[in-house]
C-alpha atoms as a PDB file:
ATOM      1  CA  LYS A   1     -11.320  42.253  44.035  1.00  0.00           C
ATOM      2  CA  GLY A   2     -11.846  43.092  40.616  1.00  0.00           C
ATOM      3  CA  ASP A   3      -9.310  40.476  39.143  1.00  0.00           C
ATOM      4  CA  ARG A   4     -10.353  38.630  35.912  1.00  0.00           C
ATOM      5  CA  VAL A   5     -10.192  35.119  36.666  1.00  0.00           C
ATOM      6  CA  ALA A   6     -10.801  34.148  32.699  1.00  0.00           C
ATOM      7  CA  GLN A   7     -11.654  35.054  29.606  1.00  0.00           C
ATOM      8  CA  LEU A   8     -13.631  33.284  26.519  1.00  0.00           C
ATOM      9  CA  ILE A   9     -12.470  34.262  22.784  1.00  0.00           C
ATOM     10  CA  LEU A  10     -14.574  33.274  20.243  1.00  0.00           C
ATOM     11  CA  GLU A  11     -13.519  32.573  16.681  1.00  0.00           C
ATOM     12  CA  GLN A  12     -15.223  31.756  13.195  1.00  0.00           C
ATOM     13  CA  SER A  13     -14.530  28.016  12.476  1.00  0.00           C
ATOM     14  CA  ASN A  14     -14.734  27.010   8.504  1.00  0.00           C
ATOM     15  CA  THR A  15     -16.301  24.078   7.477  1.00  0.00           C
ATOM     16  CA  ILE A  16     -13.956  21.470   6.118  1.00  0.00           C
ATOM     17  CA  GLY A  17     -15.607  19.735   2.288  1.00  0.00           C
ATOM     18  CA  TRP A  18     -14.286  16.004   2.149  1.00  0.00           C
ATOM     19  CA  VAL A  19     -13.818  13.930  -1.161  1.00  0.00           C
ATOM     20  CA  GLU A  20     -13.971  10.368  -0.764  1.00  0.00           C
ATOM     21  CA  LEU A  21     -11.900   8.525  -3.492  1.00  0.00           C
ATOM     22  CA  ASP A  22     -11.866   4.825  -4.338  1.00  0.00           C
ATOM     23  CA  GLU A  23      -8.011   4.702  -4.072  1.00  0.00           C
ATOM     24  CA  LEU A  24      -5.048   7.004  -4.062  1.00  0.00           C
ATOM     25  CA  LYS A  25      -3.098   7.542  -6.795  1.00  0.00           C
ATOM     26  CA  ASP A  26       0.734   6.816  -6.661  1.00  0.00           C
ATOM     27  CA  SER A  27       3.337   9.969  -6.609  1.00  0.00           C
ATOM     28  CA  GLU A  28       6.903  10.859  -6.222  1.00  0.00           C
ATOM     29  CA  ARG A  29       6.653  11.913  -2.698  1.00  0.00           C
ATOM     30  CA  SER A  30       5.478   8.442  -1.610  1.00  0.00           C
ATOM     31  CA  ASP A  31       8.624   7.066  -2.991  1.00  0.00           C
ATOM     32  CA  GLY A  32      10.768   7.241   0.257  1.00  0.00           C
ATOM     33  CA  GLY A  33       8.353   5.451   2.509  1.00  0.00           C
ATOM     34  CA  PHE A  34       6.543   6.600   5.755  1.00  0.00           C
ATOM     35  CA  GLY A  35       8.596   9.850   7.226  1.00  0.00           C
ATOM     36  CA  SER A  36      11.480   9.861   4.837  1.00  0.00           C
ATOM     37  CA  THR A  37      12.973  13.261   4.110  1.00  0.00           C
ATOM     38  CA  GLY A  38      14.442  12.056   0.618  1.00  0.00           C
ATOM     39  CA  ASN A  39      17.929  12.401   1.680  1.00  0.00           C
END
């Protein structure tokens, strides 16, 4: 008797601002392909 079965923790959630683009710019990171570590 008196044992805790569940606990509720509430945290503040920040809202993310989205920016819609027509196209993405090329970058050096994209040169290695998907999942590439660059090695």
